[in-house]
Amino acid sequence: MRDVYTLVFSVSAVLLGIEIIARLFPEKSAAFVQALAVLAAVLTLMGGLLHADWSWLQQASSVSFEENTKVETLYAETGTALLRERLRALLESSGIAVADADDGVEIWYTKGDDGAIDIDRVRVSVEYATDIDRAYAVLNAALTDAIPVEVFAR
């Protein structure tokens, strides 16, 4: 990164020097001064680009496999937690009492090789046995037949 700053400073210094020379000698050899200025600017820029250390760019963009796995796991856990909250809110808004906060809605999922998360199964524990059929109907309407649903009473 320091090389980039040095390159920018060098090009700026050359351009500033060219402007000073052009203002000091406006009539005398303007074309020569401009050609010399362009040549100096191009040489400075090319020299800086050829000798720059670009390893900082590679380090900034590389992410280790372990960090990527942690991010995927965090993504999966966050997604299932959100789904768990939404399903609990859906059931409670339908007048169905869901069992305790931790085990009331359980979600099983698998992670694919491409990082996709597939919900395998949803299992809900309701407070009353009379709510089993209603909870099953509400969850099947929300999740369709793509995700198997189990409902039981505690």
Protein backbone atom coordinates (compact mmCIF):
# COMPACT_ATOMS: atom_id res chain seq x y z
CA MET A 1 0.00 0.00 0.00
CA ARG A 2 2.92 2.31 0.72
CA ASP A 3 4.12 1.85 -2.87
CA VAL A 4 0.79 3.10 -4.19
CA TYR A 5 1.03 6.22 -2.05
CA THR A 6 4.61 6.79 -3.24
CA LEU A 7 3.53 6.39 -6.86
CA VAL A 8 0.68 8.86 -6.47
CA PHE A 9 3.00 11.35 -4.76
CA SER A 10 5.63 10.99 -7.52
CA VAL A 11 3.14 11.56 -10.31
CA SER A 12 1.70 14.57 -8.46
CA ALA A 13 5.19 16.02 -7.94
CA VAL A 14 6.02 15.64 -11.64
CA LEU A 15 2.77 17.29 -12.69
CA LEU A 16 3.35 20.14 -10.24
CA GLY A 17 6.90 20.61 -11.54
CA ILE A 18 5.63 20.71 -15.11
CA GLU A 19 3.09 23.38 -14.25
CA ILE A 20 5.76 25.50 -12.53
CA ILE A 21 8.09 25.25 -15.57
CA ALA A 22 5.25 26.13 -17.95
CA ARG A 23 4.35 29.22 -15.91
CA LEU A 24 7.96 30.41 -15.55
CA PHE A 25 8.76 30.11 -19.26
CA PRO A 26 5.49 30.57 -21.17
CA GLU A 27 6.96 31.66 -24.54
CA LYS A 28 10.16 29.67 -24.68
CA SER A 29 9.94 26.10 -25.88
CA ALA A 30 6.41 25.37 -24.66
CA ALA A 31 6.08 22.29 -26.86
CA PHE A 32 9.42 20.94 -25.63
CA VAL A 33 8.47 21.49 -21.98
CA GLN A 34 5.09 19.83 -22.48
CA ALA A 35 6.65 16.85 -24.26
CA LEU A 36 9.25 16.53 -21.51
CA ALA A 37 6.51 16.74 -18.89
CA VAL A 38 4.43 14.03 -20.53
CA LEU A 39 7.47 11.79 -20.88
CA ALA A 40 8.42 12.30 -17.20
CA ALA A 41 4.86 11.61 -16.05
CA VAL A 42 4.59 8.44 -18.13
CA LEU A 43 7.99 7.16 -17.00
CA THR A 44 7.19 7.83 -13.35
CA LEU A 45 3.85 6.12 -13.63
CA MET A 46 5.19 3.08 -15.48
CA GLY A 47 8.16 2.74 -13.12
CA GLY A 48 5.88 2.86 -10.13
CA LEU A 49 3.51 0.29 -11.57
CA LEU A 50 6.30 -2.10 -12.52
CA HIS A 51 8.06 -1.94 -9.17
CA ALA A 52 4.96 -1.82 -6.97
CA ASP A 53 4.42 -4.49 -4.34
CA TRP A 54 0.92 -5.80 -4.96
CA SER A 55 0.95 -8.42 -2.20
CA TRP A 56 -1.27 -6.25 0.02
CA LEU A 57 -4.05 -6.60 -2.55
CA GLN A 58 -3.83 -10.40 -2.47
CA GLN A 59 -3.74 -10.49 1.33
CA ALA A 60 -6.83 -8.32 1.58
CA SER A 61 -8.86 -10.56 -0.72
CA SER A 62 -7.84 -13.96 0.62
CA VAL A 63 -10.09 -15.62 3.16
CA SER A 64 -9.07 -18.86 4.78
CA PHE A 65 -11.16 -22.01 4.55
CA GLU A 66 -11.73 -22.02 8.31
CA GLU A 67 -13.05 -18.45 8.28
CA ASN A 68 -15.32 -19.31 5.37
CA THR A 69 -16.68 -22.35 7.25
CA LYS A 70 -17.32 -20.21 10.33
CA VAL A 71 -19.21 -17.68 8.24
CA GLU A 72 -21.32 -20.40 6.60
CA THR A 73 -22.13 -21.92 9.99
CA LEU A 74 -23.03 -18.52 11.42
CA TYR A 75 -25.18 -17.85 8.35
CA ALA A 76 -27.00 -21.17 8.79
CA GLU A 77 -27.56 -20.65 12.52
CA THR A 78 -28.81 -17.11 12.02
CA GLY A 79 -31.15 -18.18 9.23
CA THR A 80 -32.64 -21.02 11.24
CA ALA A 81 -33.01 -18.77 14.29
CA LEU A 82 -34.95 -16.25 12.19
CA LEU A 83 -37.13 -19.01 10.75
CA ARG A 84 -37.72 -20.35 14.26
CA GLU A 85 -38.83 -16.92 15.49
CA ARG A 86 -41.12 -16.37 12.49
CA LEU A 87 -42.78 -19.77 12.83
CA ARG A 88 -43.30 -19.22 16.56
CA ALA A 89 -44.85 -15.78 15.86
CA LEU A 90 -47.06 -17.27 13.14
CA LEU A 91 -48.35 -19.97 15.46
CA GLU A 92 -48.89 -17.59 18.36
CA SER A 93 -50.74 -15.12 16.13
CA SER A 94 -53.01 -18.02 15.15
CA GLY A 95 -53.83 -18.59 18.82
CA ILE A 96 -51.67 -21.70 19.20
CA ALA A 97 -49.55 -21.88 22.34
CA VAL A 98 -46.04 -23.14 21.54
CA ALA A 99 -44.14 -25.02 24.25
CA ASP A 100 -41.08 -23.56 26.03
CA ALA A 101 -38.91 -21.01 24.26
CA ASP A 102 -35.88 -23.20 23.54
CA ASP A 103 -37.38 -26.46 22.33
CA GLY A 104 -40.75 -25.25 21.04
CA VAL A 105 -39.66 -25.05 17.40
CA GLU A 106 -36.82 -27.26 16.19
CA ILE A 107 -35.31 -27.01 12.71
CA TRP A 108 -33.04 -29.54 11.02
CA TYR A 109 -30.97 -28.44 8.07
CA THR A 110 -28.10 -29.55 5.84
CA LYS A 111 -25.44 -27.46 4.16
CA GLY A 112 -24.56 -28.27 0.58
CA ASP A 113 -21.10 -28.13 -0.96
CA ASP A 114 -22.00 -24.85 -2.64
CA GLY A 115 -22.96 -23.26 0.69
CA ALA A 116 -26.71 -23.62 0.17
CA ILE A 117 -28.78 -24.39 3.23
CA ASP A 118 -31.64 -26.87 2.86
CA ILE A 119 -34.28 -27.15 5.56
CA ASP A 120 -34.87 -30.87 6.10
CA ARG A 121 -37.54 -30.92 8.77
CA VAL A 122 -39.43 -28.70 11.20
CA ARG A 123 -40.72 -30.04 14.50
CA VAL A 124 -43.02 -28.03 16.77
CA SER A 125 -44.10 -28.73 20.30
CA VAL A 126 -47.43 -27.20 21.31
CA GLU A 127 -48.87 -26.83 24.80
CA TYR A 128 -52.26 -28.47 24.21
CA ALA A 129 -53.13 -31.62 22.29
CA THR A 130 -56.17 -29.88 20.80
CA ASP A 131 -53.85 -27.51 18.90
CA ILE A 132 -51.96 -30.23 17.00
CA ASP A 133 -54.20 -30.29 13.92
CA ARG A 134 -54.45 -26.50 13.70
CA ALA A 135 -50.68 -26.07 14.10
CA TYR A 136 -50.05 -28.70 11.43
CA ALA A 137 -52.44 -26.92 9.03
CA VAL A 138 -50.87 -23.50 9.67
CA LEU A 139 -47.32 -24.80 9.22
CA ASN A 140 -48.18 -26.77 6.07
CA ALA A 141 -49.78 -23.66 4.58
CA ALA A 142 -46.67 -21.61 5.36
CA LEU A 143 -43.97 -24.14 4.48
CA THR A 144 -45.88 -26.09 1.77
CA ASP A 145 -45.13 -29.75 1.23
CA ALA A 146 -41.46 -29.07 0.48
CA ILE A 147 -40.53 -29.20 4.16
CA PRO A 148 -41.84 -32.05 6.33
CA VAL A 149 -43.57 -30.86 9.48
CA GLU A 150 -44.06 -32.69 12.77
CA VAL A 151 -46.32 -31.36 15.50
CA PHE A 152 -46.73 -32.92 18.93
CA ALA A 153 -48.03 -31.90 22.36
CA ARG A 154 -46.04 -32.01 25.57
